[in-house]
Amino acid sequence: MKLVLVEWVDSYSGRGWRKLSELVEDCEPLLCQSVGWLASEKNGHKVIVPHLSGERNDNVAVYGSGEITIPAKAIVKMTILKK
């Protein structure tokens, strides 16, 4: 698997009642960054997993934890990181 840095946009939700003019000026999608092992690239999304265990142990299944599924349309940039 490749170790990657994924830069992606997510939706933003404000808090409470505000004037519409303030909402339009202040609200923008959030730029997010996530790092992990690229476990899957299919069906219009990518799955990255930041935590792995068992990959260096003989006859032990590899487990992952903390996975995130990111829609490919939300990805701004993906960089392969060197080991």
C-alpha atoms as a PDB file:
ATOM      1  CA  MET A   1       0.000   0.000   0.000  1.00  0.00           C
ATOM      2  CA  LYS A   2       1.035   3.589  -0.610  1.00  0.00           C
ATOM      3  CA  LEU A   3       1.383   6.106   2.224  1.00  0.00           C
ATOM      4  CA  VAL A   4      -0.462   9.260   1.118  1.00  0.00           C
ATOM      5  CA  LEU A   5      -1.323  12.809   2.135  1.00  0.00           C
ATOM      6  CA  VAL A   6      -4.831  13.643   0.938  1.00  0.00           C
ATOM      7  CA  GLU A   7      -6.008  17.254   0.765  1.00  0.00           C
ATOM      8  CA  TRP A   8      -9.782  17.415   0.476  1.00  0.00           C
ATOM      9  CA  VAL A   9     -12.748  19.697   1.039  1.00  0.00           C
ATOM     10  CA  ASP A  10     -15.537  19.047   3.501  1.00  0.00           C
ATOM     11  CA  SER A  11     -18.798  20.821   4.158  1.00  0.00           C
ATOM     12  CA  TYR A  12     -19.047  23.509   6.828  1.00  0.00           C
ATOM     13  CA  SER A  13     -21.911  24.140   9.199  1.00  0.00           C
ATOM     14  CA  GLY A  14     -22.275  27.378  11.149  1.00  0.00           C
ATOM     15  CA  ARG A  15     -23.800  27.754  14.582  1.00  0.00           C
ATOM     16  CA  GLY A  16     -27.008  29.506  15.485  1.00  0.00           C
ATOM     17  CA  TRP A  17     -29.025  32.165  13.736  1.00  0.00           C
ATOM     18  CA  ARG A  18     -27.142  34.780  11.708  1.00  0.00           C
ATOM     19  CA  LYS A  19     -27.969  37.370   9.076  1.00  0.00           C
ATOM     20  CA  LEU A  20     -27.956  35.876   5.591  1.00  0.00           C
ATOM     21  CA  SER A  21     -25.434  38.514   4.462  1.00  0.00           C
ATOM     22  CA  GLU A  22     -22.987  37.273   7.137  1.00  0.00           C
ATOM     23  CA  LEU A  23     -23.540  33.641   6.161  1.00  0.00           C
ATOM     24  CA  VAL A  24     -22.747  34.282   2.512  1.00  0.00           C
ATOM     25  CA  GLU A  25     -19.564  36.210   3.360  1.00  0.00           C
ATOM     26  CA  ASP A  26     -18.200  33.932   6.097  1.00  0.00           C
ATOM     27  CA  CYS A  27     -19.022  30.378   5.050  1.00  0.00           C
ATOM     28  CA  GLU A  28     -16.663  28.405   2.859  1.00  0.00           C
ATOM     29  CA  PRO A  29     -15.938  24.685   2.577  1.00  0.00           C
ATOM     30  CA  LEU A  30     -13.188  23.481   4.911  1.00  0.00           C
ATOM     31  CA  LEU A  31      -9.854  22.326   3.516  1.00  0.00           C
ATOM     32  CA  CYS A  32      -8.877  19.119   5.321  1.00  0.00           C
ATOM     33  CA  GLN A  33      -5.679  17.066   5.304  1.00  0.00           C
ATOM     34  CA  SER A  34      -5.453  13.375   6.118  1.00  0.00           C
ATOM     35  CA  VAL A  35      -2.478  10.989   6.117  1.00  0.00           C
ATOM     36  CA  GLY A  36      -2.685   7.219   5.907  1.00  0.00           C
ATOM     37  CA  TRP A  37      -2.189   4.070   3.896  1.00  0.00           C
ATOM     38  CA  LEU A  38      -4.261   3.996   0.711  1.00  0.00           C
ATOM     39  CA  ALA A  39      -6.294   0.836   1.253  1.00  0.00           C
ATOM     40  CA  SER A  40      -8.809   1.174  -1.588  1.00  0.00           C
ATOM     41  CA  GLU A  41      -9.565   3.237  -4.698  1.00  0.00           C
ATOM     42  CA  LYS A  42     -12.898   2.200  -6.183  1.00  0.00           C
ATOM     43  CA  ASN A  43     -16.509   3.204  -6.726  1.00  0.00           C
ATOM     44  CA  GLY A  44     -15.688   6.923  -6.726  1.00  0.00           C
ATOM     45  CA  HIS A  45     -13.972   7.056  -3.348  1.00  0.00           C
ATOM     46  CA  LYS A  46     -10.651   6.428  -1.640  1.00  0.00           C
ATOM     47  CA  VAL A  47     -10.156   4.747   1.735  1.00  0.00           C
ATOM     48  CA  ILE A  48      -7.123   5.663   3.817  1.00  0.00           C
ATOM     49  CA  VAL A  49      -6.095   3.964   7.050  1.00  0.00           C
ATOM     50  CA  PRO A  50      -3.679   5.732   9.432  1.00  0.00           C
ATOM     51  CA  HIS A  51      -3.025   2.791  11.757  1.00  0.00           C
ATOM     52  CA  LEU A  52      -1.882  -0.712  10.770  1.00  0.00           C
ATOM     53  CA  SER A  53      -0.775  -3.673  12.846  1.00  0.00           C
ATOM     54  CA  GLY A  54       0.578  -7.125  12.067  1.00  0.00           C
ATOM     55  CA  GLU A  55       2.268  -6.302   8.762  1.00  0.00           C
ATOM     56  CA  ARG A  56       5.702  -7.417  10.018  1.00  0.00           C
ATOM     57  CA  ASN A  57       4.597 -10.493  11.916  1.00  0.00           C
ATOM     58  CA  ASP A  58       4.592 -13.894  10.226  1.00  0.00           C
ATOM     59  CA  ASN A  59       1.202 -15.533   9.781  1.00  0.00           C
ATOM     60  CA  VAL A  60      -0.665 -12.641  11.424  1.00  0.00           C
ATOM     61  CA  ALA A  61      -3.511 -10.920   9.589  1.00  0.00           C
ATOM     62  CA  VAL A  62      -3.001  -7.220   8.952  1.00  0.00           C
ATOM     63  CA  TYR A  63      -5.503  -5.035  10.812  1.00  0.00           C
ATOM     64  CA  GLY A  64      -6.326  -1.365  10.257  1.00  0.00           C
ATOM     65  CA  SER A  65      -7.944   1.261  12.470  1.00  0.00           C
ATOM     66  CA  GLY A  66      -9.194   4.821  12.044  1.00  0.00           C
ATOM     67  CA  GLU A  67     -10.141   4.474   8.380  1.00  0.00           C
ATOM     68  CA  ILE A  68     -11.751   7.331   6.485  1.00  0.00           C
ATOM     69  CA  THR A  69     -13.631   7.140   3.189  1.00  0.00           C
ATOM     70  CA  ILE A  70     -13.218  10.274   1.069  1.00  0.00           C
ATOM     71  CA  PRO A  71     -15.285  10.853  -2.079  1.00  0.00           C
ATOM     72  CA  ALA A  72     -12.923  11.256  -5.046  1.00  0.00           C
ATOM     73  CA  LYS A  73     -14.806  14.423  -6.061  1.00  0.00           C
ATOM     74  CA  ALA A  74     -13.841  16.042  -2.740  1.00  0.00           C
ATOM     75  CA  ILE A  75     -10.094  15.440  -3.225  1.00  0.00           C
ATOM     76  CA  VAL A  76      -8.100  18.517  -4.218  1.00  0.00           C
ATOM     77  CA  LYS A  77      -4.669  16.849  -4.195  1.00  0.00           C
ATOM     78  CA  MET A  78      -3.126  13.512  -3.220  1.00  0.00           C
ATOM     79  CA  THR A  79       0.619  13.179  -2.619  1.00  0.00           C
ATOM     80  CA  ILE A  80       2.426   9.867  -2.261  1.00  0.00           C
ATOM     81  CA  LEU A  81       4.762  10.073   0.734  1.00  0.00           C
ATOM     82  CA  LYS A  82       8.105   8.301   0.774  1.00  0.00           C
ATOM     83  CA  LYS A  83       8.712   5.529   3.266  1.00  0.00           C
END
